[in-house]
N, C-alpha and C. Protein backbone atom coordinates (compact mmCIF):
# COMPACT_ATOMS: atom_id res chain seq x y z
N MET A 1 0.61 -0.82 -0.01
CA MET A 1 -0.10 0.00 -0.12
C MET A 1 0.89 1.23 0.40
N LYS A 2 0.90 2.47 -0.79
CA LYS A 2 1.50 3.81 -1.30
C LYS A 2 0.64 4.63 -0.89
N GLN A 3 1.04 5.63 -0.23
CA GLN A 3 0.56 7.10 0.26
C GLN A 3 0.28 7.30 -1.47
N LYS A 4 -0.36 8.39 -1.72
CA LYS A 4 -0.92 9.12 -2.63
C LYS A 4 -0.77 10.45 -3.00
N LYS A 5 0.23 11.27 -3.48
CA LYS A 5 0.10 12.12 -4.01
C LYS A 5 -0.87 13.36 -4.51
N HIS A 6 -1.42 14.22 -3.61
CA HIS A 6 -2.84 14.91 -4.39
C HIS A 6 -2.52 16.28 -5.26
N SER A 7 -3.31 15.60 -6.04
CA SER A 7 -3.42 17.72 -6.48
C SER A 7 -4.62 18.08 -5.48
N GLN A 8 -4.66 19.72 -6.00
CA GLN A 8 -5.31 20.80 -4.91
C GLN A 8 -7.05 19.75 -5.18
N ARG A 9 -7.50 19.62 -6.62
CA ARG A 9 -8.69 19.29 -6.21
C ARG A 9 -9.26 18.01 -5.64
N GLN A 10 -7.51 16.64 -5.32
CA GLN A 10 -8.29 15.46 -4.65
C GLN A 10 -8.30 16.22 -3.50
N LYS A 11 -7.22 17.45 -2.63
CA LYS A 11 -7.24 17.57 -1.87
C LYS A 11 -8.74 18.28 -0.91
N LYS A 12 -9.03 18.93 -1.42
CA LYS A 12 -10.16 19.22 -1.85
C LYS A 12 -11.22 18.20 -1.41
N THR A 13 -11.71 17.04 -1.79
CA THR A 13 -12.10 15.94 -2.03
C THR A 13 -12.01 15.12 -0.68
N ARG A 14 -10.84 15.29 -0.35
CA ARG A 14 -9.93 14.24 0.74
C ARG A 14 -10.89 15.12 1.94
N GLN A 15 -10.77 16.15 2.25
CA GLN A 15 -11.20 17.12 2.97
C GLN A 15 -12.34 16.26 3.51
N ARG A 16 -13.00 16.30 2.20
CA ARG A 16 -14.32 15.96 2.50
C ARG A 16 -14.78 14.55 3.01
N MET A 17 -14.02 14.11 2.87
CA MET A 17 -14.08 12.51 3.08
C MET A 17 -13.60 12.14 4.28
N THR A 18 -13.07 13.12 5.00
CA THR A 18 -12.51 12.67 6.48
C THR A 18 -12.19 14.29 7.18
N ASP A 19 -12.44 13.90 8.64
CA ASP A 19 -11.78 14.98 9.43
C ASP A 19 -9.81 15.68 9.26
N GLU A 20 -10.03 16.02 9.72
CA GLU A 20 -8.29 17.12 9.30
C GLU A 20 -7.04 15.75 10.26
N THR A 21 -7.27 14.84 11.26
CA THR A 21 -7.23 13.28 11.64
C THR A 21 -7.26 11.95 11.10
N GLU A 22 -7.85 12.08 10.71
CA GLU A 22 -8.24 10.65 10.03
C GLU A 22 -7.63 10.33 8.25
N GLN A 23 -7.17 9.77 7.90
CA GLN A 23 -6.73 9.53 6.75
C GLN A 23 -7.66 8.45 6.44
N SER A 24 -8.08 8.66 5.03
CA SER A 24 -8.83 7.29 3.90
C SER A 24 -8.01 6.40 3.28
N ILE A 25 -8.84 5.76 3.04
CA ILE A 25 -8.21 4.20 2.26
C ILE A 25 -9.09 4.16 1.06
N SER A 26 -8.93 4.09 0.08
CA SER A 26 -9.05 3.33 -1.57
C SER A 26 -8.77 2.46 -1.47
N VAL A 27 -9.71 1.24 -1.92
CA VAL A 27 -8.82 -0.14 -2.68
C VAL A 27 -9.72 -0.09 -4.20
N CYS A 28 -8.85 -0.18 -5.16
CA CYS A 28 -8.41 -0.71 -6.41
C CYS A 28 -8.06 -2.06 -6.32
N MET A 29 -8.94 -2.26 -8.19
CA MET A 29 -8.19 -3.34 -9.01
C MET A 29 -8.81 -3.42 -10.34
N ILE A 30 -8.64 -4.70 -10.43
CA ILE A 30 -9.41 -4.38 -11.67
C ILE A 30 -9.83 -6.09 -12.08
N ALA A 31 -10.58 -6.35 -13.08
CA ALA A 31 -11.51 -7.67 -12.98
C ALA A 31 -11.76 -7.29 -14.43
N ARG A 32 -11.93 -9.46 -14.96
CA ARG A 32 -12.62 -9.52 -15.57
C ARG A 32 -13.31 -10.75 -15.69
N ASP A 33 -14.39 -11.25 -16.16
CA ASP A 33 -14.77 -12.41 -15.82
C ASP A 33 -14.95 -13.03 -14.34
N GLU A 34 -14.39 -12.52 -13.17
CA GLU A 34 -14.66 -12.59 -11.87
C GLU A 34 -15.98 -12.51 -10.48
N GLU A 35 -16.36 -13.00 -11.61
CA GLU A 35 -18.20 -13.03 -10.68
C GLU A 35 -18.06 -14.16 -9.66
N LYS A 36 -16.71 -15.06 -9.64
CA LYS A 36 -16.71 -16.03 -8.60
C LYS A 36 -15.76 -15.91 -7.45
N PHE A 37 -14.57 -15.29 -7.57
CA PHE A 37 -14.29 -14.31 -7.10
C PHE A 37 -14.05 -14.08 -5.46
N LEU A 38 -14.78 -12.51 -6.97
CA LEU A 38 -14.54 -11.05 -6.46
C LEU A 38 -15.83 -10.77 -5.16
N GLU A 39 -16.47 -11.43 -4.60
CA GLU A 39 -17.74 -11.52 -4.15
C GLU A 39 -16.79 -11.56 -2.30
N THR A 40 -16.22 -13.12 -2.44
CA THR A 40 -15.33 -13.27 -1.40
C THR A 40 -13.53 -11.48 -1.26
N CYS A 41 -13.50 -11.23 -1.80
CA CYS A 41 -12.51 -10.29 -1.80
C CYS A 41 -13.08 -9.21 -1.60
N LEU A 42 -14.46 -8.58 -1.79
CA LEU A 42 -14.26 -7.07 -1.66
C LEU A 42 -15.35 -7.13 0.03
N GLU A 43 -15.59 -8.66 0.28
CA GLU A 43 -16.29 -8.78 1.53
C GLU A 43 -14.70 -9.01 2.41
N SER A 44 -13.96 -9.01 2.14
CA SER A 44 -12.16 -9.35 2.76
C SER A 44 -12.12 -7.62 3.07
N VAL A 45 -12.09 -6.68 2.03
CA VAL A 45 -11.99 -5.14 2.69
C VAL A 45 -12.59 -4.20 2.79
N ARG A 46 -14.15 -4.87 3.64
CA ARG A 46 -15.06 -4.20 4.14
C ARG A 46 -14.74 -3.78 5.56
N GLY A 47 -15.10 -2.56 6.06
CA GLY A 47 -14.33 -1.87 7.11
C GLY A 47 -12.87 -1.66 6.97
N LEU A 48 -12.06 -1.75 5.74
CA LEU A 48 -10.80 -1.02 5.19
C LEU A 48 -10.86 0.28 4.79
N ALA A 49 -11.55 0.09 3.73
CA ALA A 49 -12.13 1.33 2.57
C ALA A 49 -12.76 2.22 2.83
N ASP A 50 -12.34 3.54 2.14
CA ASP A 50 -13.61 4.16 2.46
C ASP A 50 -14.18 4.37 1.19
N GLU A 51 -13.06 3.95 -0.38
CA GLU A 51 -14.05 4.02 -1.25
C GLU A 51 -13.97 2.85 -1.96
N VAL A 52 -14.13 1.79 -2.60
CA VAL A 52 -13.87 0.44 -3.46
C VAL A 52 -13.90 0.89 -4.68
N ILE A 53 -12.71 1.14 -5.77
CA ILE A 53 -13.65 1.04 -7.20
C ILE A 53 -12.72 -0.10 -7.85
N VAL A 54 -13.68 -0.63 -8.70
CA VAL A 54 -13.39 -2.01 -9.82
C VAL A 54 -13.42 -1.02 -11.02
N GLY A 55 -12.31 -1.98 -12.12
CA GLY A 55 -11.83 -1.51 -13.05
C GLY A 55 -12.51 -2.33 -13.95
N ASP A 56 -13.58 -2.62 -14.89
CA ASP A 56 -14.15 -3.76 -15.43
C ASP A 56 -12.94 -3.62 -16.87
N THR A 57 -12.83 -4.87 -17.52
CA THR A 57 -11.91 -4.87 -18.38
C THR A 57 -12.72 -5.41 -19.64
N GLY A 58 -13.68 -5.54 -19.51
CA GLY A 58 -15.01 -6.53 -20.69
C GLY A 58 -15.57 -7.23 -20.02
N SER A 59 -15.90 -8.03 -18.97
CA SER A 59 -16.55 -8.93 -18.04
C SER A 59 -17.65 -9.31 -18.84
N SER A 60 -18.05 -10.48 -19.05
CA SER A 60 -19.46 -11.31 -20.17
C SER A 60 -20.62 -11.78 -18.80
N ASP A 61 -19.38 -11.78 -17.59
CA ASP A 61 -20.51 -12.44 -16.73
C ASP A 61 -20.99 -11.77 -15.30
N GLY A 62 -21.48 -12.02 -14.52
CA GLY A 62 -22.11 -10.76 -13.31
C GLY A 62 -21.26 -9.79 -12.86
N THR A 63 -19.56 -10.15 -12.93
CA THR A 63 -18.53 -9.65 -12.41
C THR A 63 -19.18 -8.14 -12.19
N LYS A 64 -19.76 -7.16 -12.70
CA LYS A 64 -19.51 -5.77 -12.39
C LYS A 64 -21.32 -5.66 -11.78
N ALA A 65 -22.09 -6.36 -11.79
CA ALA A 65 -23.00 -6.47 -10.77
C ALA A 65 -22.75 -7.12 -9.18
N VAL A 66 -21.74 -7.89 -9.35
CA VAL A 66 -21.14 -8.24 -7.54
C VAL A 66 -20.38 -7.01 -7.08
N ALA A 67 -19.49 -6.37 -8.00
CA ALA A 67 -19.20 -4.86 -8.06
C ALA A 67 -19.51 -4.33 -7.41
N ARG A 68 -20.90 -4.05 -7.58
CA ARG A 68 -21.97 -2.24 -7.64
C ARG A 68 -22.98 -3.40 -6.07
N LYS A 69 -22.88 -4.25 -6.12
CA LYS A 69 -23.91 -5.27 -4.95
C LYS A 69 -23.27 -4.88 -3.55
N ALA A 70 -21.86 -4.95 -3.60
CA ALA A 70 -21.32 -4.29 -2.87
C ALA A 70 -20.87 -3.22 -2.26
N GLY A 71 -20.83 -2.26 -3.12
CA GLY A 71 -20.26 -1.19 -3.17
C GLY A 71 -19.31 -0.64 -3.51
N ALA A 72 -18.78 -1.21 -4.47
CA ALA A 72 -17.49 -0.75 -5.16
C ALA A 72 -18.45 0.27 -6.56
N ARG A 73 -17.35 1.51 -6.88
CA ARG A 73 -17.61 2.53 -8.12
C ARG A 73 -17.14 1.54 -8.88
N VAL A 74 -17.81 1.17 -10.04
CA VAL A 74 -17.78 0.25 -11.15
C VAL A 74 -16.93 1.14 -12.62
N LEU A 75 -15.70 1.19 -13.41
CA LEU A 75 -15.33 1.71 -14.02
C LEU A 75 -15.42 1.01 -15.42
N ASP A 76 -15.95 1.13 -16.50
CA ASP A 76 -15.55 0.73 -17.54
C ASP A 76 -14.10 1.13 -18.19
N VAL A 77 -13.01 -0.46 -18.02
CA VAL A 77 -11.87 0.08 -18.52
C VAL A 77 -11.13 -0.96 -19.94
N PRO A 78 -11.70 -0.02 -21.23
CA PRO A 78 -10.85 -0.68 -22.02
C PRO A 78 -9.59 -1.49 -21.89
N TRP A 79 -9.39 -2.26 -22.27
CA TRP A 79 -9.17 -2.87 -22.40
C TRP A 79 -7.64 -3.33 -23.64
N ASP A 80 -6.51 -2.94 -23.61
CA ASP A 80 -5.72 -3.23 -24.94
C ASP A 80 -4.30 -3.80 -24.80
N GLY A 81 -4.31 -4.95 -23.84
CA GLY A 81 -3.33 -5.49 -23.90
C GLY A 81 -2.46 -4.93 -22.52
N ASP A 82 -2.62 -4.10 -21.54
CA ASP A 82 -1.81 -2.83 -21.07
C ASP A 82 -2.05 -3.30 -19.29
N PHE A 83 -1.48 -4.67 -18.83
CA PHE A 83 -2.40 -4.55 -17.60
C PHE A 83 -2.73 -3.26 -16.50
N SER A 84 -0.74 -2.94 -16.77
CA SER A 84 -0.59 -1.33 -16.19
C SER A 84 -1.30 -0.22 -16.48
N LYS A 85 -1.57 -0.02 -17.61
CA LYS A 85 -2.44 0.83 -18.43
C LYS A 85 -4.14 1.00 -17.39
N ALA A 86 -4.98 -0.23 -17.57
CA ALA A 86 -6.10 -0.26 -16.56
C ALA A 86 -5.62 -0.28 -15.00
N ARG A 87 -4.08 -1.22 -14.92
CA ARG A 87 -4.84 -0.60 -13.12
C ARG A 87 -4.63 0.76 -12.82
N ASN A 88 -3.50 2.04 -13.57
CA ASN A 88 -3.32 3.23 -14.02
C ASN A 88 -4.62 4.08 -13.92
N THR A 89 -5.62 3.23 -14.34
CA THR A 89 -6.44 4.05 -14.83
C THR A 89 -7.74 3.95 -13.08
N THR A 90 -7.51 3.11 -12.78
CA THR A 90 -8.54 2.62 -11.66
C THR A 90 -7.69 3.88 -10.69
N LEU A 91 -6.45 3.49 -10.07
CA LEU A 91 -5.33 4.48 -9.10
C LEU A 91 -5.96 5.82 -9.72
N GLY A 92 -6.06 6.55 -11.18
CA GLY A 92 -6.24 8.29 -11.22
C GLY A 92 -7.33 7.93 -10.37
N GLU A 93 -8.60 7.23 -10.41
CA GLU A 93 -9.63 7.74 -9.63
C GLU A 93 -10.11 8.08 -8.31
N ALA A 94 -8.67 7.18 -7.93
CA ALA A 94 -8.53 7.03 -6.90
C ALA A 94 -9.15 8.16 -5.29
N LYS A 95 -9.99 8.83 -4.09
CA LYS A 95 -9.60 9.61 -3.30
C LYS A 95 -8.89 9.70 -3.02
N GLY A 96 -8.61 8.43 -2.24
CA GLY A 96 -8.09 8.33 -0.93
C GLY A 96 -7.01 8.71 -0.54
N ASP A 97 -6.42 8.83 0.63
CA ASP A 97 -5.48 9.51 1.31
C ASP A 97 -3.92 7.99 0.76
N TRP A 98 -4.72 7.07 1.19
CA TRP A 98 -3.81 5.70 0.36
C TRP A 98 -4.77 5.10 -0.42
N ILE A 99 -3.89 3.52 -0.83
CA ILE A 99 -4.12 2.59 -1.96
C ILE A 99 -4.16 1.53 -1.39
N PHE A 100 -5.23 0.83 -1.91
CA PHE A 100 -4.19 -0.45 -1.08
C PHE A 100 -5.30 -1.56 -2.63
N VAL A 101 -4.38 -2.12 -3.12
CA VAL A 101 -4.52 -2.74 -4.58
C VAL A 101 -4.18 -4.19 -3.61
N ILE A 102 -5.24 -4.53 -4.95
CA ILE A 102 -5.51 -6.20 -4.40
C ILE A 102 -6.63 -6.55 -5.70
N ASP A 103 -5.89 -8.05 -5.80
CA ASP A 103 -6.43 -8.55 -6.89
C ASP A 103 -8.27 -9.62 -6.91
N CYS A 104 -8.80 -9.40 -8.02
CA CYS A 104 -9.96 -10.38 -7.19
C CYS A 104 -9.87 -11.61 -6.72
N ASP A 105 -8.98 -12.33 -7.08
CA ASP A 105 -9.07 -14.27 -6.59
C ASP A 105 -7.95 -14.53 -5.21
N GLU A 106 -8.03 -12.71 -4.72
CA GLU A 106 -7.42 -12.28 -3.18
C GLU A 106 -8.06 -11.91 -2.28
N THR A 107 -7.85 -12.61 -1.02
CA THR A 107 -7.88 -12.06 0.44
C THR A 107 -7.30 -11.51 1.83
N LEU A 108 -8.19 -10.70 2.33
CA LEU A 108 -7.35 -9.87 2.88
C LEU A 108 -8.24 -10.19 4.66
N THR A 109 -6.87 -10.76 5.29
CA THR A 109 -7.17 -11.39 7.19
C THR A 109 -7.74 -10.06 7.75
N GLY A 110 -8.79 -10.75 8.44
CA GLY A 110 -9.22 -9.04 9.29
C GLY A 110 -8.22 -8.66 10.04
N LYS A 111 -7.38 -10.11 10.85
CA LYS A 111 -5.43 -9.39 11.42
C LYS A 111 -5.18 -8.06 10.30
N ASP A 112 -5.46 -8.19 9.56
CA ASP A 112 -3.82 -7.41 8.66
C ASP A 112 -5.14 -6.01 7.92
N ARG A 113 -6.11 -6.09 8.03
CA ARG A 113 -7.28 -5.00 7.61
C ARG A 113 -7.12 -4.23 9.07
N ALA A 114 -6.91 -4.49 9.81
CA ALA A 114 -7.25 -3.47 10.89
C ALA A 114 -5.39 -2.89 10.90
N ARG A 115 -4.95 -3.75 10.93
CA ARG A 115 -3.09 -3.18 10.95
C ARG A 115 -2.75 -1.97 10.08
N ILE A 116 -4.08 -2.52 9.16
CA ILE A 116 -3.60 -1.60 7.61
C ILE A 116 -4.15 -0.08 8.12
N ARG A 117 -5.50 -0.59 8.41
CA ARG A 117 -6.34 0.88 8.42
C ARG A 117 -5.60 1.60 9.90
N ASP A 118 -5.05 1.28 10.65
CA ASP A 118 -4.20 1.15 12.02
C ASP A 118 -2.89 2.35 11.77
N ALA A 119 -1.98 1.63 10.47
CA ALA A 119 -1.35 2.73 10.29
C ALA A 119 -1.44 3.72 9.25
N ALA A 120 -2.41 3.65 8.06
CA ALA A 120 -2.83 4.59 7.98
C ALA A 120 -3.74 5.84 8.44
N VAL A 121 -4.57 5.96 9.39
CA VAL A 121 -5.15 6.58 10.63
C VAL A 121 -3.96 6.79 11.47
N ASN A 122 -3.73 6.03 12.30
CA ASN A 122 -2.95 6.57 13.73
C ASN A 122 -1.12 6.76 13.05
N SER A 123 -0.31 6.93 12.17
CA SER A 123 0.76 6.94 12.02
C SER A 123 1.42 7.75 10.83
N ASP A 124 2.24 8.20 10.93
CA ASP A 124 3.22 8.52 9.76
C ASP A 124 3.91 7.78 9.06
N ALA A 125 3.51 6.74 9.07
CA ALA A 125 3.68 5.82 7.82
C ALA A 125 3.96 6.09 6.53
N ALA A 126 4.64 6.02 5.53
CA ALA A 126 4.94 6.14 4.09
C ALA A 126 4.06 4.97 3.50
N GLY A 127 4.27 3.57 3.82
CA GLY A 127 3.72 2.90 3.07
C GLY A 127 4.08 1.70 4.12
N PHE A 128 3.48 0.50 4.35
CA PHE A 128 3.25 -0.98 4.62
C PHE A 128 3.19 -1.67 3.78
N ARG A 129 3.97 -2.78 4.48
CA ARG A 129 4.56 -3.80 3.92
C ARG A 129 3.59 -5.11 4.60
N MET A 130 3.37 -6.25 3.77
CA MET A 130 2.57 -7.33 4.59
C MET A 130 2.98 -8.85 3.66
N THR A 131 3.22 -9.73 4.72
CA THR A 131 3.17 -10.95 4.23
C THR A 131 2.03 -11.43 3.44
N THR A 132 2.36 -11.96 1.94
CA THR A 132 1.26 -12.43 1.15
C THR A 132 1.27 -14.28 0.90
N ARG A 133 0.73 -14.96 1.19
CA ARG A 133 0.75 -16.10 1.05
C ARG A 133 0.04 -16.93 0.49
N ASN A 134 -0.25 -17.19 -0.27
CA ASN A 134 -0.67 -18.25 -1.92
C ASN A 134 -1.53 -19.60 -1.32
N TYR A 135 -2.43 -20.28 -0.94
CA TYR A 135 -2.62 -21.57 -1.35
C TYR A 135 -3.18 -22.21 -2.33
N ALA A 136 -3.04 -23.71 -2.43
CA ALA A 136 -3.57 -23.91 -3.77
C ALA A 136 -4.90 -24.65 -2.96
């Protein structure tokens, strides 16, 4: 997770989102035909994020509906084969002071969710590093 630098417009938006002592967190992800995994992923970040942005790159399943049902803002992101460009589109729309990037087939543990929120809100940290575990 990285702290984001803001333009003047974004700073004014952030001030409306939070009071002066609290930092906001945006969760950003890109998705394509991730209906099977997305609900579990979004549930795992509930309570962490002030906003969730899902950049849909052309799903033909129920991905967009699942994202909207969970309260995410869904962006239609054209897919031209450039993963970074699609990801950066969602990052550019984020209004939070901090951005947490997660893939649709990943989940965040409750323990890490609390630690990340605490680091963003109650410290002068410039980033947050955590262990990733993959299970087959």
